[in-house]
Amino acid sequence: MTSIDRFFKVSQRGSSIGQEVRGGVVTFLTMAYIIVLNPIILSGVADVDGNFLGGGSEPGSGFATIAACTALVAGVLTILMGVVANFPIALATGLGLNAFVAFSVASQMTWADAMGLVVLEGIVILVLVLTGFRKAVFDAVPGQLKTAIAVGIGLFLTLIGLIDAGFVRATGNAAPPIGMGIGGELSGWPVLVFCIGLLLMISLHTRRVPGAILIGIAATTVLAIIVQAITDTPGSNGDPTSKGWNLNVPAFPKDIVEKPDLSLLGSFNLLGSFERVGVVAAVLLVFTLMLADFFDTMGTMTAVGAEAGLNDEDGAPEGSQRILIVDSVAAAVGGAAGISSNTSYVESTAGVADGARTGLASVITGLCFLLATIFTPIVQVIPNEAAVAALVLVGFLMMTQVTEIDWKDPEIAIPAFLTIAFMPFTYSITAGIGAGFLAYVVLKVVMGKIREVHVLLWIIAVLFVIYFAIDPITRALT
């Protein structure tokens, strides 16, 4: 135990091995949904030849294969992050990125070609990290904008939690586009379970009970199982008007262990996309994936480091270069494994909020993912409504950093505001960062302070203009 403490600097960072184990488990529970959600997204879409990922000719036929590979890759990469970077951050298939691959990339080529494109994107990102460019960009960002990124992610997490719990839903109307529950009313047993879980969690946190988030998730899961046994509430099956459970129906599984099917590993064609859609279109697709991956991770590690107290005075996490290297490798590995780009998960802040401060927590999270490859039925017992309450509490904790922004200086306050506002409203960390960067550069030009803009921010501003205008550019060039 002393060797583990020394290697991960547990005591040095004011933590304990017990705290790290607890934090690692909390992070896993908060993001375990990806084992179910990634197969839902990837297994239901046919490629250009009509084939489904994981084999089979019907939607969802590759579900079990994708789930097992998702858990395996997440486990290996998260352990790698813990050992190499000693940072409490977990990795798994990136949401948003997987949807882009499924609906915008695979529709133009085969699944193998699409995953080859993801591998190429990861290689490009890795080169940018090894040359120092990615870290240089991060260091060039003003400290208060980094704070705004963390705050914006907090609000984004809160919205994700409320939507996944069914507390906030799309209305289907032009105005308002979203609202509370169904027709302005909270409906269904799952929402009630979420509300009770959230109240329990924030009560435990306010009373400074150690392990408040883990206790909250566990207690809410037990409550959900009891409620399900009494009410027999079905799953929602993606219906936004349903009063059922969002992803997992919390009932005791028939089987405890399932043999994992890992046949999807290695299912990629590195250069097939260039033959299928042409060089220009393939390059533009790689660029879109790369820019989203590039800045999502920047925001995530800033937020996690800020919550853990591991950022320096400029807002940079300890060992940021090693974090970026592992994250870049993860993008390529995800594509090579056939389950889309893997990236750092901002849900890691839930584990940090429950005590995690070192890479030991990531090792624990990774081991949980590896166990999930065979204990998938148990993982599926935990309903989304029990886990996402943690995201709302974490959103509050990250919001407390907003006082570090000078709101009386419009040159930084306006870019910070746009960064914070755009993340939840566009459902995209990258869009929020892009809006803030562009506003910062424009305001410095307007105020005649061009020399205060780092040359790298000029380059990034141009790249974000391309990113936001990618559709007309793609149409013009192809």
Protein backbone atom coordinates (compact mmCIF):
# COMPACT_ATOMS: atom_id res chain seq x y z
CA MET A 1 0.00 0.00 0.00
CA THR A 2 2.93 2.31 0.72
CA SER A 3 4.30 1.68 -2.77
CA ILE A 4 0.91 2.48 -4.30
CA ASP A 5 0.70 5.65 -2.21
CA ARG A 6 4.16 6.73 -3.35
CA PHE A 7 3.65 5.88 -7.04
CA PHE A 8 0.34 7.76 -7.35
CA LYS A 9 1.29 10.54 -4.85
CA VAL A 10 -1.90 9.81 -2.93
CA SER A 11 -0.90 11.31 0.43
CA GLN A 12 1.02 14.10 -1.30
CA ARG A 13 -2.22 15.26 -2.93
CA GLY A 14 -4.12 15.13 0.33
CA SER A 15 -6.05 11.98 -0.50
CA SER A 16 -6.20 8.41 0.77
CA ILE A 17 -6.37 5.04 -0.96
CA GLY A 18 -9.94 4.66 0.30
CA GLN A 19 -10.91 8.00 -1.23
CA GLU A 20 -9.34 7.03 -4.55
CA VAL A 21 -11.16 3.70 -4.66
CA ARG A 22 -14.46 5.39 -3.83
CA GLY A 23 -13.90 8.15 -6.38
CA GLY A 24 -12.97 5.63 -9.08
CA VAL A 25 -16.14 3.63 -8.49
CA VAL A 26 -18.26 6.80 -8.56
CA THR A 27 -16.76 7.83 -11.91
CA PHE A 28 -17.54 4.39 -13.32
CA LEU A 29 -21.13 4.44 -12.07
CA THR A 30 -21.65 7.92 -13.50
CA MET A 31 -20.44 7.00 -16.99
CA ALA A 32 -21.31 3.28 -17.15
CA TYR A 33 -24.26 4.28 -19.33
CA ILE A 34 -21.88 4.43 -22.29
CA ILE A 35 -21.76 0.60 -22.29
CA VAL A 36 -25.44 0.66 -23.22
CA LEU A 37 -25.72 3.95 -25.09
CA ASN A 38 -22.82 3.46 -27.50
CA PRO A 39 -24.30 0.21 -28.90
CA ILE A 40 -27.70 1.89 -29.20
CA ILE A 41 -26.19 4.64 -31.36
CA LEU A 42 -23.79 2.55 -33.42
CA SER A 43 -25.76 -0.69 -33.90
CA GLY A 44 -28.90 0.92 -35.29
CA VAL A 45 -27.42 2.63 -38.35
CA ALA A 46 -26.54 0.94 -41.63
CA ASP A 47 -23.48 1.97 -43.62
CA VAL A 48 -23.57 2.92 -47.28
CA ASP A 49 -23.72 -0.78 -48.25
CA GLY A 50 -26.59 -1.52 -45.87
CA ASN A 51 -24.48 -3.41 -43.32
CA PHE A 52 -24.71 -2.90 -39.56
CA LEU A 53 -21.74 -2.55 -37.22
CA GLY A 54 -20.88 -5.77 -35.43
CA GLY A 55 -22.40 -7.98 -38.09
CA GLY A 56 -25.94 -8.95 -38.91
CA SER A 57 -28.50 -7.57 -41.32
CA GLU A 58 -30.90 -6.11 -38.76
CA PRO A 59 -30.65 -2.94 -36.63
CA GLY A 60 -29.24 -3.76 -33.19
CA SER A 61 -27.84 -7.15 -34.21
CA GLY A 62 -24.32 -6.11 -33.16
CA PHE A 63 -25.41 -4.66 -29.79
CA ALA A 64 -23.66 -7.21 -27.53
CA THR A 65 -20.42 -7.09 -29.49
CA ILE A 66 -20.26 -3.28 -29.44
CA ALA A 67 -21.09 -3.21 -25.70
CA ALA A 68 -18.31 -5.66 -24.81
CA CYS A 69 -15.71 -3.86 -26.93
CA THR A 70 -16.82 -0.48 -25.58
CA ALA A 71 -16.24 -1.64 -21.99
CA LEU A 72 -12.94 -3.38 -22.80
CA VAL A 73 -11.38 -0.38 -24.58
CA ALA A 74 -12.62 2.06 -21.95
CA GLY A 75 -11.08 -0.11 -19.24
CA VAL A 76 -7.66 -0.43 -20.87
CA LEU A 77 -7.40 3.26 -21.79
CA THR A 78 -8.58 4.51 -18.40
CA ILE A 79 -5.99 2.35 -16.63
CA LEU A 80 -3.38 3.71 -19.05
CA MET A 81 -4.42 7.26 -18.14
CA GLY A 82 -4.07 6.50 -14.45
CA VAL A 83 -0.64 4.86 -14.73
CA VAL A 84 0.93 7.17 -17.33
CA ALA A 85 -0.60 10.57 -16.45
CA ASN A 86 -1.55 9.97 -12.78
CA PHE A 87 -4.69 12.02 -13.29
CA PRO A 88 -8.23 11.16 -12.12
CA ILE A 89 -9.84 11.14 -15.53
CA ALA A 90 -11.57 8.26 -17.33
CA LEU A 91 -11.94 7.60 -21.05
CA ALA A 92 -14.59 5.92 -23.18
CA THR A 93 -16.28 6.28 -26.54
CA GLY A 94 -17.06 9.95 -27.09
CA LEU A 95 -20.72 10.88 -27.25
CA GLY A 96 -21.39 13.24 -30.11
CA LEU A 97 -18.35 11.86 -31.89
CA ASN A 98 -19.98 8.43 -32.15
CA ALA A 99 -23.20 10.00 -33.45
CA PHE A 100 -21.22 11.96 -36.04
CA VAL A 101 -19.46 8.77 -37.15
CA ALA A 102 -22.74 6.86 -37.33
CA PHE A 103 -24.96 9.40 -39.09
CA SER A 104 -22.53 11.58 -41.07
CA VAL A 105 -19.58 9.31 -41.87
CA ALA A 106 -20.85 5.73 -42.13
CA SER A 107 -23.68 6.91 -44.37
CA GLN A 108 -21.04 7.73 -47.00
CA MET A 109 -18.80 4.65 -46.69
CA THR A 110 -18.49 1.25 -45.02
CA TRP A 111 -18.16 0.93 -41.25
CA ALA A 112 -14.57 -0.26 -41.68
CA ASP A 113 -13.77 2.83 -43.77
CA ALA A 114 -15.41 5.09 -41.17
CA MET A 115 -13.38 3.56 -38.33
CA GLY A 116 -10.23 3.95 -40.44
CA LEU A 117 -11.05 7.65 -40.64
CA VAL A 118 -11.25 7.76 -36.84
CA VAL A 119 -7.83 6.09 -36.59
CA LEU A 120 -6.38 8.73 -38.93
CA GLU A 121 -7.89 11.50 -36.81
CA GLY A 122 -6.28 10.01 -33.71
CA ILE A 123 -2.90 9.80 -35.42
CA VAL A 124 -3.11 13.47 -36.48
CA ILE A 125 -4.04 14.50 -32.92
CA LEU A 126 -1.15 12.45 -31.53
CA VAL A 127 1.31 14.15 -33.89
CA LEU A 128 0.03 17.55 -32.75
CA VAL A 129 0.60 16.52 -29.14
CA LEU A 130 4.09 15.07 -29.68
CA THR A 131 5.18 18.23 -31.51
CA GLY A 132 3.97 20.31 -28.56
CA PHE A 133 1.31 22.14 -30.59
CA ARG A 134 -1.70 20.93 -28.62
CA LYS A 135 -0.20 21.88 -25.24
CA ALA A 136 1.04 25.20 -26.65
CA VAL A 137 -2.52 26.05 -27.69
CA PHE A 138 -3.76 25.15 -24.23
CA ASP A 139 -1.09 27.31 -22.57
CA ALA A 140 -1.96 30.25 -24.87
CA VAL A 141 -5.57 30.40 -23.63
CA PRO A 142 -6.11 33.14 -21.01
CA GLY A 143 -6.64 31.79 -17.49
CA GLN A 144 -10.11 33.32 -17.09
CA LEU A 145 -11.28 31.70 -20.32
CA LYS A 146 -10.11 28.35 -18.92
CA THR A 147 -12.21 29.07 -15.84
CA ALA A 148 -15.18 29.86 -18.08
CA ILE A 149 -14.68 26.52 -19.83
CA ALA A 150 -14.92 24.69 -16.49
CA VAL A 151 -18.05 26.65 -15.47
CA GLY A 152 -19.68 26.07 -18.87
CA ILE A 153 -19.02 22.35 -18.60
CA GLY A 154 -20.68 22.42 -15.18
CA LEU A 155 -23.88 23.86 -16.67
CA PHE A 156 -23.61 21.41 -19.58
CA LEU A 157 -23.37 18.49 -17.15
CA THR A 158 -26.38 19.80 -15.24
CA LEU A 159 -28.47 19.94 -18.41
CA ILE A 160 -27.34 16.44 -19.41
CA GLY A 161 -28.36 15.13 -16.01
CA LEU A 162 -31.78 16.81 -16.08
CA ILE A 163 -32.52 15.62 -19.62
CA ASP A 164 -31.32 12.06 -19.06
CA ALA A 165 -33.53 11.89 -15.96
CA GLY A 166 -36.60 13.13 -17.89
CA PHE A 167 -36.87 16.20 -15.65
CA VAL A 168 -36.26 18.40 -18.71
CA ARG A 169 -37.55 17.29 -22.11
CA ALA A 170 -37.95 18.52 -25.66
CA THR A 171 -41.43 19.90 -26.11
CA GLY A 172 -41.65 19.44 -29.87
CA ASN A 173 -42.75 23.08 -30.16
CA ALA A 174 -40.95 26.10 -31.58
CA ALA A 175 -41.32 27.89 -28.25
CA PRO A 176 -40.37 26.80 -25.71
CA PRO A 177 -38.16 24.09 -27.29
CA ILE A 178 -37.60 22.41 -23.92
CA GLY A 179 -39.60 22.38 -20.70
CA MET A 180 -40.14 20.63 -17.42
CA GLY A 181 -41.31 17.04 -17.76
CA ILE A 182 -44.17 16.26 -20.15
CA GLY A 183 -46.46 19.21 -20.88
CA GLY A 184 -44.93 21.18 -18.03
CA GLU A 185 -45.59 18.44 -15.47
CA LEU A 186 -43.26 15.88 -13.91
CA SER A 187 -44.66 12.49 -14.87
CA GLY A 188 -43.63 8.93 -14.18
CA TRP A 189 -41.95 6.93 -11.43
CA PRO A 190 -38.42 7.27 -12.87
CA VAL A 191 -38.49 11.08 -12.51
CA LEU A 192 -39.62 10.70 -8.90
CA VAL A 193 -36.71 8.31 -8.24
CA PHE A 194 -34.32 10.89 -9.73
CA CYS A 195 -35.72 13.71 -7.58
CA ILE A 196 -35.42 11.65 -4.40
CA GLY A 197 -31.89 10.62 -5.35
CA LEU A 198 -30.87 14.21 -6.06
CA LEU A 199 -32.29 15.48 -2.75
CA LEU A 200 -30.52 12.66 -0.90
CA MET A 201 -27.22 13.37 -2.64
CA ILE A 202 -27.20 17.13 -2.04
CA SER A 203 -28.29 16.58 1.57
CA LEU A 204 -25.40 14.18 2.19
CA HIS A 205 -22.99 16.58 0.47
CA THR A 206 -24.18 19.56 2.51
CA ARG A 207 -23.68 17.56 5.72
CA ARG A 208 -20.18 16.69 4.42
CA VAL A 209 -20.81 12.95 4.53
CA PRO A 210 -17.82 11.11 2.97
CA GLY A 211 -18.84 9.26 -0.19
CA ALA A 212 -22.04 11.30 -0.60
CA ILE A 213 -22.24 10.69 -4.35
CA LEU A 214 -21.52 6.94 -4.14
CA ILE A 215 -24.01 6.50 -1.31
CA GLY A 216 -26.59 8.50 -3.28
CA ILE A 217 -26.21 6.40 -6.43
CA ALA A 218 -26.33 3.10 -4.52
CA ALA A 219 -29.35 4.09 -2.41
CA THR A 220 -31.22 5.46 -5.42
CA THR A 221 -30.55 2.25 -7.38
CA VAL A 222 -32.04 0.19 -4.54
CA LEU A 223 -35.04 2.52 -4.47
CA ALA A 224 -35.42 2.17 -8.25
CA ILE A 225 -35.40 -1.64 -8.02
CA ILE A 226 -38.12 -1.51 -5.36
CA VAL A 227 -40.21 0.95 -7.38
CA GLN A 228 -39.83 -1.20 -10.49
CA ALA A 229 -40.89 -4.35 -8.61
CA ILE A 230 -44.07 -2.58 -7.48
CA THR A 231 -44.97 -0.59 -10.61
CA ASP A 232 -43.52 -2.69 -13.48
CA THR A 233 -42.62 0.47 -15.41
CA PRO A 234 -41.31 -0.24 -18.95
CA GLY A 235 -38.34 1.34 -20.69
CA SER A 236 -38.86 4.47 -22.78
CA ASN A 237 -37.25 3.02 -25.94
CA GLY A 238 -36.14 6.53 -26.86
CA ASP A 239 -39.65 8.01 -26.83
CA PRO A 240 -39.38 11.57 -25.39
CA THR A 241 -43.02 11.45 -24.29
CA SER A 242 -42.63 8.14 -22.42
CA LYS A 243 -42.91 7.93 -18.64
CA GLY A 244 -40.60 4.91 -18.62
CA TRP A 245 -36.97 4.42 -17.63
CA ASN A 246 -34.47 6.22 -19.87
CA LEU A 247 -31.94 3.45 -20.63
CA ASN A 248 -31.86 0.63 -18.10
CA VAL A 249 -34.89 -0.93 -16.45
CA PRO A 250 -33.72 -1.52 -12.84
CA ALA A 251 -34.57 -5.16 -12.23
CA PHE A 252 -32.44 -8.05 -10.99
CA PRO A 253 -30.87 -9.76 -14.02
CA LYS A 254 -31.48 -13.39 -14.90
CA ASP A 255 -27.76 -13.91 -15.48
CA ILE A 256 -24.85 -12.43 -13.57
CA VAL A 257 -22.11 -13.18 -16.11
CA GLU A 258 -22.06 -12.98 -19.91
CA LYS A 259 -19.27 -14.20 -22.18
CA PRO A 260 -18.03 -11.13 -24.09
CA ASP A 261 -17.96 -11.14 -27.89
CA LEU A 262 -14.85 -9.17 -28.94
CA SER A 263 -14.93 -10.01 -32.65
CA LEU A 264 -15.26 -6.33 -33.59
CA LEU A 265 -11.68 -5.51 -32.54
CA GLY A 266 -9.50 -4.58 -35.51
CA SER A 267 -12.44 -3.93 -37.87
CA PHE A 268 -11.12 -0.88 -39.72
CA ASN A 269 -9.79 0.06 -43.14
CA LEU A 270 -7.23 2.86 -42.76
CA LEU A 271 -7.44 4.46 -46.21
CA GLY A 272 -10.72 3.07 -47.52
CA SER A 273 -12.53 6.39 -46.98
CA PHE A 274 -10.30 8.17 -49.52
CA GLU A 275 -11.25 5.64 -52.18
CA ARG A 276 -14.95 5.82 -51.29
CA VAL A 277 -15.61 9.59 -50.97
CA GLY A 278 -12.46 11.20 -52.38
CA VAL A 279 -9.53 12.98 -50.77
CA VAL A 280 -11.19 16.37 -50.15
CA ALA A 281 -14.31 14.99 -48.47
CA ALA A 282 -12.25 12.56 -46.34
CA VAL A 283 -9.90 15.34 -45.20
CA LEU A 284 -12.83 17.56 -44.22
CA LEU A 285 -14.38 14.73 -42.20
CA VAL A 286 -11.07 14.13 -40.41
CA PHE A 287 -10.81 17.87 -39.68
CA THR A 288 -14.31 17.97 -38.14
CA LEU A 289 -13.57 14.97 -35.91
CA MET A 290 -10.17 16.34 -34.96
CA LEU A 291 -11.31 19.81 -33.94
CA ALA A 292 -14.12 18.46 -31.76
CA ASP A 293 -11.78 15.95 -30.10
CA PHE A 294 -9.00 18.54 -29.72
CA PHE A 295 -11.02 21.03 -27.70
CA ASP A 296 -13.39 18.68 -25.88
CA THR A 297 -10.39 17.20 -24.09
CA MET A 298 -8.94 20.62 -23.35
CA GLY A 299 -12.18 21.59 -21.64
CA THR A 300 -12.52 18.28 -19.82
CA MET A 301 -9.05 18.19 -18.28
CA THR A 302 -9.39 21.84 -17.26
CA ALA A 303 -12.68 21.11 -15.51
CA VAL A 304 -11.43 17.96 -13.78
CA GLY A 305 -8.18 19.64 -12.72
CA ALA A 306 -10.05 22.65 -11.36
CA GLU A 307 -12.43 20.46 -9.34
CA ALA A 308 -9.51 18.40 -7.97
CA GLY A 309 -7.36 21.44 -7.21
CA LEU A 310 -4.64 20.14 -9.56
CA ASN A 311 -4.45 23.14 -11.89
CA ASP A 312 -1.63 25.67 -11.65
CA GLU A 313 -2.13 29.44 -11.52
CA ASP A 314 -2.59 29.53 -15.30
CA GLY A 315 -5.33 26.87 -15.19
CA ALA A 316 -3.19 24.03 -16.58
CA PRO A 317 -3.48 20.58 -14.94
CA GLU A 318 -0.42 18.85 -13.56
CA GLY A 319 1.09 16.58 -16.23
CA SER A 320 -1.11 17.97 -19.00
CA GLN A 321 1.23 16.75 -21.78
CA ARG A 322 0.92 13.13 -20.61
CA ILE A 323 -2.85 13.52 -20.31
CA LEU A 324 -3.03 14.76 -23.90
CA ILE A 325 -0.81 11.94 -25.20
CA VAL A 326 -3.01 9.23 -23.67
CA ASP A 327 -6.17 10.97 -24.88
CA SER A 328 -4.77 11.19 -28.42
CA VAL A 329 -3.83 7.51 -28.42
CA ALA A 330 -7.37 6.78 -27.23
CA ALA A 331 -8.89 8.33 -30.34
CA ALA A 332 -6.92 6.04 -32.63
CA VAL A 333 -7.45 2.96 -30.43
CA GLY A 334 -11.21 3.52 -30.41
CA GLY A 335 -11.27 3.53 -34.19
CA ALA A 336 -9.01 0.46 -34.41
CA ALA A 337 -11.36 -1.37 -32.03
CA GLY A 338 -14.35 -0.53 -34.23
CA ILE A 339 -16.27 1.39 -31.55
CA SER A 340 -15.51 5.04 -32.53
CA SER A 341 -13.12 7.59 -31.07
CA ASN A 342 -12.45 7.35 -27.33
CA THR A 343 -11.94 10.52 -25.34
CA SER A 344 -11.69 11.91 -21.81
CA TYR A 345 -15.01 12.01 -19.94
CA VAL A 346 -16.11 15.08 -18.05
CA GLU A 347 -18.18 12.79 -15.81
CA SER A 348 -14.84 12.14 -14.12
CA THR A 349 -15.62 15.28 -12.11
CA ALA A 350 -18.18 13.19 -10.19
CA GLY A 351 -15.40 10.95 -8.90
CA VAL A 352 -13.26 13.98 -8.10
CA ALA A 353 -16.16 15.52 -6.19
CA ASP A 354 -16.25 12.33 -4.11
CA GLY A 355 -12.55 12.44 -3.26
CA ALA A 356 -10.47 11.26 -6.26
CA ARG A 357 -7.21 13.18 -6.71
CA THR A 358 -4.82 10.77 -8.46
CA GLY A 359 -4.50 8.25 -11.24
CA LEU A 360 -5.29 5.46 -8.80
CA ALA A 361 -8.95 6.42 -9.13
CA SER A 362 -8.63 5.99 -12.92
CA VAL A 363 -7.12 2.54 -12.44
CA ILE A 364 -10.12 1.59 -10.27
CA THR A 365 -12.54 2.99 -12.89
CA GLY A 366 -10.70 1.06 -15.60
CA LEU A 367 -10.89 -2.18 -13.62
CA CYS A 368 -14.63 -1.64 -13.20
CA PHE A 369 -14.97 -1.30 -16.98
CA LEU A 370 -12.97 -4.50 -17.53
CA LEU A 371 -15.21 -6.35 -15.08
CA ALA A 372 -18.20 -4.92 -16.92
CA THR A 373 -17.21 -6.85 -20.06
CA ILE A 374 -18.37 -10.02 -18.30
CA PHE A 375 -20.71 -8.54 -15.67
CA THR A 376 -22.75 -6.49 -18.14
CA PRO A 377 -26.10 -7.73 -16.70
CA ILE A 378 -25.22 -6.23 -13.29
CA VAL A 379 -24.17 -2.90 -14.81
CA GLN A 380 -27.51 -2.73 -16.58
CA VAL A 381 -29.32 -2.79 -13.22
CA ILE A 382 -28.23 0.80 -12.46
CA PRO A 383 -30.80 3.13 -14.08
CA ASN A 384 -29.74 6.40 -15.63
CA GLU A 385 -32.04 8.19 -13.22
CA ALA A 386 -29.92 7.00 -10.28
CA ALA A 387 -26.55 7.99 -11.75
CA VAL A 388 -27.23 11.35 -13.41
CA ALA A 389 -28.22 13.06 -10.15
CA ALA A 390 -24.46 13.20 -9.55
CA LEU A 391 -24.05 15.36 -12.65
CA VAL A 392 -26.40 18.00 -11.25
CA LEU A 393 -24.43 18.17 -7.99
CA VAL A 394 -21.14 18.34 -9.89
CA GLY A 395 -22.59 21.17 -12.00
CA PHE A 396 -23.10 23.17 -8.81
CA LEU A 397 -19.56 22.47 -7.60
CA MET A 398 -18.07 23.64 -10.90
CA MET A 399 -20.29 26.71 -10.99
CA THR A 400 -18.63 28.03 -7.82
CA GLN A 401 -15.56 28.94 -9.89
CA VAL A 402 -17.50 31.67 -11.73
CA THR A 403 -16.35 34.27 -9.17
CA GLU A 404 -12.80 33.98 -10.54
CA ILE A 405 -13.88 35.77 -13.75
CA ASP A 406 -13.64 39.59 -13.84
CA TRP A 407 -17.21 40.38 -14.89
CA LYS A 408 -16.47 44.14 -14.95
CA ASP A 409 -14.03 43.75 -17.85
CA PRO A 410 -16.09 43.15 -21.04
CA GLU A 411 -13.01 42.10 -23.00
CA ILE A 412 -12.85 38.90 -20.98
CA ALA A 413 -16.36 38.80 -19.49
CA ILE A 414 -18.18 38.61 -22.84
CA PRO A 415 -16.03 35.76 -24.25
CA ALA A 416 -16.38 33.99 -20.88
CA PHE A 417 -20.15 34.43 -20.94
CA LEU A 418 -20.43 33.09 -24.49
CA THR A 419 -18.27 30.10 -23.57
CA ILE A 420 -20.47 29.33 -20.56
CA ALA A 421 -23.77 29.89 -22.37
CA PHE A 422 -23.00 28.10 -25.64
CA MET A 423 -21.97 24.79 -24.08
CA PRO A 424 -25.37 23.82 -22.62
CA PHE A 425 -27.43 25.61 -25.27
CA THR A 426 -25.62 23.94 -28.21
CA TYR A 427 -25.03 20.68 -26.31
CA SER A 428 -21.37 20.95 -27.32
CA ILE A 429 -18.19 21.74 -25.39
CA THR A 430 -16.39 22.50 -28.65
CA ALA A 431 -19.01 25.05 -29.78
CA GLY A 432 -18.73 26.86 -26.44
CA ILE A 433 -14.94 27.02 -26.61
CA GLY A 434 -15.08 28.19 -30.23
CA ALA A 435 -17.57 30.98 -29.46
CA GLY A 436 -15.43 32.22 -26.58
CA PHE A 437 -12.18 32.12 -28.55
CA LEU A 438 -13.64 33.95 -31.53
CA ALA A 439 -15.24 36.62 -29.33
CA TYR A 440 -11.96 37.13 -27.44
CA VAL A 441 -9.95 37.67 -30.65
CA VAL A 442 -12.57 39.96 -32.20
CA LEU A 443 -12.83 42.14 -29.07
CA LYS A 444 -9.07 42.52 -28.83
CA VAL A 445 -9.02 43.65 -32.47
CA VAL A 446 -11.88 46.10 -31.87
CA MET A 447 -10.10 47.55 -28.84
CA GLY A 448 -6.84 47.95 -30.75
CA LYS A 449 -5.02 45.36 -28.63
CA ILE A 450 -3.98 42.95 -31.37
CA ARG A 451 -0.58 42.40 -29.77
CA GLU A 452 -2.26 40.86 -26.73
CA VAL A 453 -3.59 37.99 -28.85
CA HIS A 454 -1.22 35.03 -28.90
CA VAL A 455 -0.33 33.93 -32.43
CA LEU A 456 -1.75 30.45 -31.72
CA LEU A 457 -5.12 31.97 -30.84
CA TRP A 458 -5.19 33.58 -34.28
CA ILE A 459 -4.62 30.17 -35.86
CA ILE A 460 -7.29 28.56 -33.69
CA ALA A 461 -9.74 31.37 -34.44
CA VAL A 462 -9.35 30.70 -38.17
CA LEU A 463 -9.83 26.96 -37.60
CA PHE A 464 -13.02 27.63 -35.66
CA VAL A 465 -14.36 29.81 -38.48
CA ILE A 466 -13.82 26.80 -40.76
CA TYR A 467 -15.41 24.51 -38.16
CA PHE A 468 -18.57 26.59 -37.86
CA ALA A 469 -18.79 26.98 -41.64
CA ILE A 470 -17.87 23.38 -42.46
CA ASP A 471 -21.14 22.61 -44.27
CA PRO A 472 -20.94 25.39 -46.92
CA ILE A 473 -17.21 24.76 -47.30
CA THR A 474 -17.79 21.06 -47.88
CA ARG A 475 -20.53 21.81 -50.41
CA ALA A 476 -18.28 24.26 -52.24
CA LEU A 477 -15.30 21.92 -52.44
CA THR A 478 -17.16 18.71 -53.23
